[in-house]
Amino acid sequence: MENEYQAKKIRKLARQKLNEKWLRAALVFLVPGLLVFMGIVVSSVTVTASILTGKSGIPFSIFLIFTLIELATGLILAGLNLALLDYYRGDSGFLKAFTSFKYTKNYFVPIVKVWFVTCILLWLWSLLLFIPGLIKGYSYSQTLYIYFDHLKKGQQVKVINCITESRKLMDGHKMNLFILQLSFIGWMLLAGLTRGIGYLWLEPYMAIAVIAFYTILIKDNEPERPANVENPHSEGPDHIAVAEN
């Protein structure tokens, strides 16, 4: 089974899925790309203005704008990743104009819930030092996909249960995901040489590769994968410690 997790094979799966559809995928990722560009512009203008005026610190209004841009970018990218997950499984809606962005709207609350809970947990782990936080980041990396899959099945689950499920799925595979992401460094450098334009093609490529990784994880662990469905007649494990035990 370990052979399936080779970065080269997963990247090949991603390329096959995007075959002849790279341009459309790049156009879909244009919106978050423009938001990132806006964030860079705001940061650059702010730093330049501070140097020229001799003032230190960032005005609250600029900080607020930058924060809103970052949040909007994160929400849109999360929605696009869910759209890509459906696309990987055969739903061509990802390539239709604006269809992909509906995922951010339709799954706004789940996305925010997953983001909020995982951020708190990762922050707590990072207090112990950088490395524990990084390791847990990989442990929790599949939470959004797992939550999305449960919702698609009509199952009401708690985020903390999905985090536990992600941790179990990633047990023994954190290094596989790290190597997969590391294998894109060359592509990132090339995309940087194009003043960031190349990232419009690289982002969907990387996202599809991670989704292929998740699909293999699910396939290998499906018989052992707990439902973790919330039972209204029993007490759910909603304490943070459940995710870490």
Protein backbone atom coordinates (compact mmCIF):
# COMPACT_ATOMS: atom_id res chain seq x y z
CA MET A 1 0.00 0.00 0.00
CA GLU A 2 2.90 2.34 0.76
CA ASN A 3 3.69 2.46 -2.96
CA GLU A 4 0.42 4.28 -3.58
CA TYR A 5 1.63 7.23 -1.52
CA GLN A 6 4.67 7.98 -3.67
CA ALA A 7 4.65 11.66 -4.56
CA LYS A 8 5.43 10.91 -8.22
CA LYS A 9 2.39 8.64 -8.59
CA ILE A 10 0.04 11.05 -6.86
CA ARG A 11 1.22 13.96 -9.01
CA LYS A 12 0.57 11.80 -12.07
CA LEU A 13 -2.99 11.15 -10.88
CA ALA A 14 -3.48 14.90 -10.47
CA ARG A 15 -2.15 15.67 -13.96
CA GLN A 16 -4.41 13.03 -15.50
CA LYS A 17 -7.42 14.56 -13.77
CA LEU A 18 -6.54 18.05 -15.01
CA ASN A 19 -5.64 16.86 -18.51
CA GLU A 20 -6.82 19.42 -21.12
CA LYS A 21 -8.57 21.41 -18.36
CA TRP A 22 -5.62 23.37 -16.97
CA LEU A 23 -6.75 26.72 -18.41
CA ARG A 24 -10.26 26.47 -16.97
CA ALA A 25 -8.86 25.45 -13.60
CA ALA A 26 -6.46 28.42 -13.70
CA LEU A 27 -9.35 30.80 -14.45
CA VAL A 28 -11.29 29.48 -11.44
CA PHE A 29 -8.29 30.18 -9.20
CA LEU A 30 -7.94 33.69 -10.63
CA VAL A 31 -10.25 35.21 -7.98
CA PRO A 32 -8.27 34.07 -4.91
CA GLY A 33 -5.12 34.90 -6.84
CA LEU A 34 -6.28 38.49 -7.28
CA LEU A 35 -7.14 38.69 -3.58
CA VAL A 36 -3.63 37.53 -2.66
CA PHE A 37 -2.22 40.14 -5.04
CA MET A 38 -4.35 42.81 -3.38
CA GLY A 39 -3.01 41.75 0.02
CA ILE A 40 0.56 42.06 -1.24
CA VAL A 41 -0.17 45.51 -2.69
CA VAL A 42 -1.76 46.71 0.56
CA SER A 43 1.23 45.45 2.56
CA SER A 44 3.75 47.02 0.19
CA VAL A 45 1.99 50.40 0.12
CA THR A 46 1.73 50.41 3.92
CA VAL A 47 5.41 49.61 4.45
CA THR A 48 6.48 52.19 1.85
CA ALA A 49 4.26 54.89 3.42
CA SER A 50 5.68 54.11 6.88
CA ILE A 51 9.24 54.48 5.62
CA LEU A 52 8.55 57.74 3.80
CA THR A 53 6.65 59.34 6.69
CA GLY A 54 8.91 57.97 9.39
CA LYS A 55 5.93 56.54 11.26
CA SER A 56 6.08 53.13 12.86
CA GLY A 57 3.23 50.66 13.11
CA ILE A 58 0.31 49.85 10.84
CA PRO A 59 -2.89 51.96 10.82
CA PHE A 60 -5.88 49.99 12.14
CA SER A 61 -7.85 50.57 8.93
CA ILE A 62 -5.06 49.02 6.82
CA PHE A 63 -4.74 46.13 9.25
CA LEU A 64 -8.50 45.53 9.04
CA ILE A 65 -8.48 45.58 5.23
CA PHE A 66 -5.54 43.17 5.09
CA THR A 67 -7.23 40.82 7.60
CA LEU A 68 -10.50 40.81 5.62
CA ILE A 69 -8.61 40.05 2.40
CA GLU A 70 -6.83 37.14 4.08
CA LEU A 71 -10.08 35.74 5.50
CA ALA A 72 -11.89 36.06 2.16
CA THR A 73 -9.01 34.33 0.37
CA GLY A 74 -8.99 31.47 2.87
CA LEU A 75 -12.75 30.95 2.65
CA ILE A 76 -12.76 30.97 -1.15
CA LEU A 77 -9.81 28.56 -1.34
CA ALA A 78 -11.51 26.21 1.13
CA GLY A 79 -14.66 26.26 -1.01
CA LEU A 80 -12.64 25.62 -4.16
CA ASN A 81 -10.97 22.64 -2.51
CA LEU A 82 -14.38 21.14 -1.74
CA ALA A 83 -15.42 21.79 -5.35
CA LEU A 84 -12.24 20.06 -6.51
CA LEU A 85 -13.02 17.07 -4.29
CA ASP A 86 -16.36 16.64 -6.04
CA TYR A 87 -14.67 17.21 -9.41
CA TYR A 88 -12.09 14.52 -8.64
CA ARG A 89 -14.96 12.11 -8.00
CA GLY A 90 -16.62 12.86 -11.32
CA ASP A 91 -18.62 16.06 -10.85
CA SER A 92 -17.66 18.40 -13.71
CA GLY A 93 -19.32 21.38 -12.02
CA PHE A 94 -15.94 22.69 -10.93
CA LEU A 95 -15.23 23.80 -14.48
CA LYS A 96 -18.50 25.70 -14.90
CA ALA A 97 -18.45 29.46 -14.37
CA PHE A 98 -19.07 30.46 -10.74
CA THR A 99 -20.32 26.97 -9.76
CA SER A 100 -17.20 26.34 -7.68
CA PHE A 101 -17.68 29.52 -5.63
CA LYS A 102 -21.10 28.29 -4.50
CA TYR A 103 -19.28 25.79 -2.29
CA THR A 104 -17.96 28.66 -0.17
CA LYS A 105 -21.52 29.99 0.18
CA ASN A 106 -23.24 26.63 0.74
CA TYR A 107 -20.64 25.32 3.18
CA PHE A 108 -19.68 28.62 4.79
CA VAL A 109 -20.62 27.56 8.34
CA PRO A 110 -18.85 24.15 8.20
CA ILE A 111 -15.72 25.79 6.74
CA VAL A 112 -15.66 28.40 9.52
CA LYS A 113 -16.31 25.78 12.21
CA VAL A 114 -13.47 23.56 11.00
CA TRP A 115 -11.13 26.54 10.66
CA PHE A 116 -11.98 27.88 14.13
CA VAL A 117 -11.59 24.59 16.04
CA THR A 118 -8.41 23.49 14.25
CA CYS A 119 -6.83 26.93 14.69
CA ILE A 120 -7.45 26.81 18.45
CA LEU A 121 -6.01 23.31 18.75
CA LEU A 122 -2.97 24.14 16.61
CA TRP A 123 -2.37 27.31 18.60
CA LEU A 124 -2.43 25.31 21.84
CA TRP A 125 -0.01 22.77 20.41
CA SER A 126 2.29 25.49 19.07
CA LEU A 127 2.67 26.82 22.61
CA LEU A 128 4.74 23.70 23.26
CA LEU A 129 7.14 24.72 20.43
CA PHE A 130 6.97 24.93 16.64
CA ILE A 131 7.52 21.22 15.86
CA PRO A 132 4.54 19.84 17.84
CA GLY A 133 2.27 22.40 16.16
CA LEU A 134 3.61 21.45 12.72
CA ILE A 135 3.07 17.72 13.35
CA LYS A 136 -0.48 18.31 14.54
CA GLY A 137 -1.10 20.48 11.48
CA TYR A 138 -0.47 17.41 9.34
CA SER A 139 -2.56 15.25 11.68
CA TYR A 140 -5.57 17.56 11.26
CA SER A 141 -5.02 18.26 7.54
CA GLN A 142 -7.89 16.06 6.30
CA THR A 143 -10.54 17.42 8.69
CA LEU A 144 -12.39 19.62 6.18
CA TYR A 145 -12.67 16.82 3.60
CA ILE A 146 -13.91 14.37 6.24
CA TYR A 147 -16.49 16.85 7.54
CA PHE A 148 -17.62 17.56 3.98
CA ASP A 149 -18.02 13.84 3.24
CA HIS A 150 -20.19 13.33 6.32
CA LEU A 151 -22.39 16.30 5.41
CA LYS A 152 -22.79 15.00 1.84
CA LYS A 153 -24.10 11.75 3.34
CA GLY A 154 -26.57 13.67 5.49
CA GLN A 155 -24.71 12.81 8.70
CA GLN A 156 -24.52 15.37 11.50
CA VAL A 157 -21.08 15.21 13.07
CA LYS A 158 -19.02 17.34 15.39
CA VAL A 159 -15.85 18.98 14.13
CA ILE A 160 -13.90 17.50 17.04
CA ASN A 161 -14.88 14.00 15.88
CA CYS A 162 -13.69 14.77 12.35
CA ILE A 163 -10.40 16.01 13.78
CA THR A 164 -10.01 12.72 15.63
CA GLU A 165 -10.82 10.86 12.43
CA SER A 166 -8.25 12.89 10.49
CA ARG A 167 -5.64 12.17 13.15
CA LYS A 168 -6.29 8.43 12.84
CA LEU A 169 -6.23 8.53 9.03
CA MET A 170 -2.92 10.40 9.04
CA ASP A 171 -1.29 8.06 11.54
CA GLY A 172 1.80 6.79 9.73
CA HIS A 173 1.17 9.02 6.68
CA LYS A 174 2.18 12.51 7.84
CA MET A 175 5.60 12.13 6.22
CA ASN A 176 3.95 10.99 2.97
CA LEU A 177 1.97 14.23 2.78
CA PHE A 178 5.02 16.29 3.74
CA ILE A 179 7.08 14.70 0.94
CA LEU A 180 4.22 15.22 -1.53
CA GLN A 181 4.07 18.93 -0.71
CA LEU A 182 7.86 19.18 -0.73
CA SER A 183 7.94 17.71 -4.25
CA PHE A 184 6.27 20.87 -5.56
CA ILE A 185 9.12 23.17 -4.53
CA GLY A 186 10.61 23.18 -8.03
CA TRP A 187 7.25 24.14 -9.51
CA MET A 188 6.87 26.89 -6.92
CA LEU A 189 10.22 28.37 -7.90
CA LEU A 190 9.24 28.32 -11.57
CA ALA A 191 5.87 29.91 -10.78
CA GLY A 192 7.71 32.63 -8.85
CA LEU A 193 9.75 33.45 -11.94
CA THR A 194 6.50 34.27 -13.76
CA ARG A 195 5.71 36.97 -11.15
CA GLY A 196 3.13 34.67 -9.60
CA ILE A 197 1.07 34.05 -12.74
CA GLY A 198 2.22 30.44 -12.84
CA TYR A 199 0.52 29.85 -9.49
CA LEU A 200 -2.85 30.00 -11.26
CA TRP A 201 -1.94 26.65 -12.83
CA LEU A 202 0.07 25.34 -9.90
CA GLU A 203 -2.59 25.86 -7.19
CA PRO A 204 -5.22 23.53 -8.72
CA TYR A 205 -2.44 21.01 -9.49
CA MET A 206 -1.33 20.97 -5.84
CA ALA A 207 -4.92 20.91 -4.56
CA ILE A 208 -5.88 17.98 -6.76
CA ALA A 209 -2.74 16.12 -5.65
CA VAL A 210 -3.71 16.50 -1.98
CA ILE A 211 -7.24 15.33 -2.80
CA ALA A 212 -5.81 12.28 -4.57
CA PHE A 213 -3.78 11.65 -1.41
CA TYR A 214 -6.98 11.90 0.70
CA THR A 215 -8.83 9.54 -1.65
CA ILE A 216 -6.11 6.92 -1.26
CA LEU A 217 -6.21 7.34 2.52
CA ILE A 218 -9.97 6.76 2.58
CA LYS A 219 -9.69 3.74 0.28
CA ASP A 220 -7.03 2.14 2.47
CA ASN A 221 -8.81 2.84 5.76
CA GLU A 222 -12.51 2.61 4.87
CA PRO A 223 -13.17 -0.67 6.74
CA GLU A 224 -11.66 0.80 9.92
CA ARG A 225 -13.00 4.32 9.52
CA PRO A 226 -15.39 5.18 12.39
CA ALA A 227 -18.66 6.93 11.57
CA ASN A 228 -18.38 9.39 14.49
CA VAL A 229 -21.97 10.39 13.82
CA GLU A 230 -23.60 12.41 16.52
CA ASN A 231 -26.28 10.49 18.41
CA PRO A 232 -28.91 12.81 19.88
CA HIS A 233 -29.65 10.24 22.62
CA SER A 234 -26.08 9.94 23.88
CA GLU A 235 -23.38 12.29 24.98
CA GLY A 236 -20.93 13.14 22.24
CA PRO A 237 -17.18 13.44 22.90
CA ASP A 238 -17.16 17.20 22.53
CA HIS A 239 -14.20 17.92 24.78
CA ILE A 240 -10.96 18.91 23.08
CA ALA A 241 -9.09 16.19 24.95
CA VAL A 242 -11.03 13.54 22.99
CA ALA A 243 -9.17 14.55 19.84
CA GLU A 244 -5.83 14.10 21.49
CA ASN A 245 -6.38 10.80 23.36
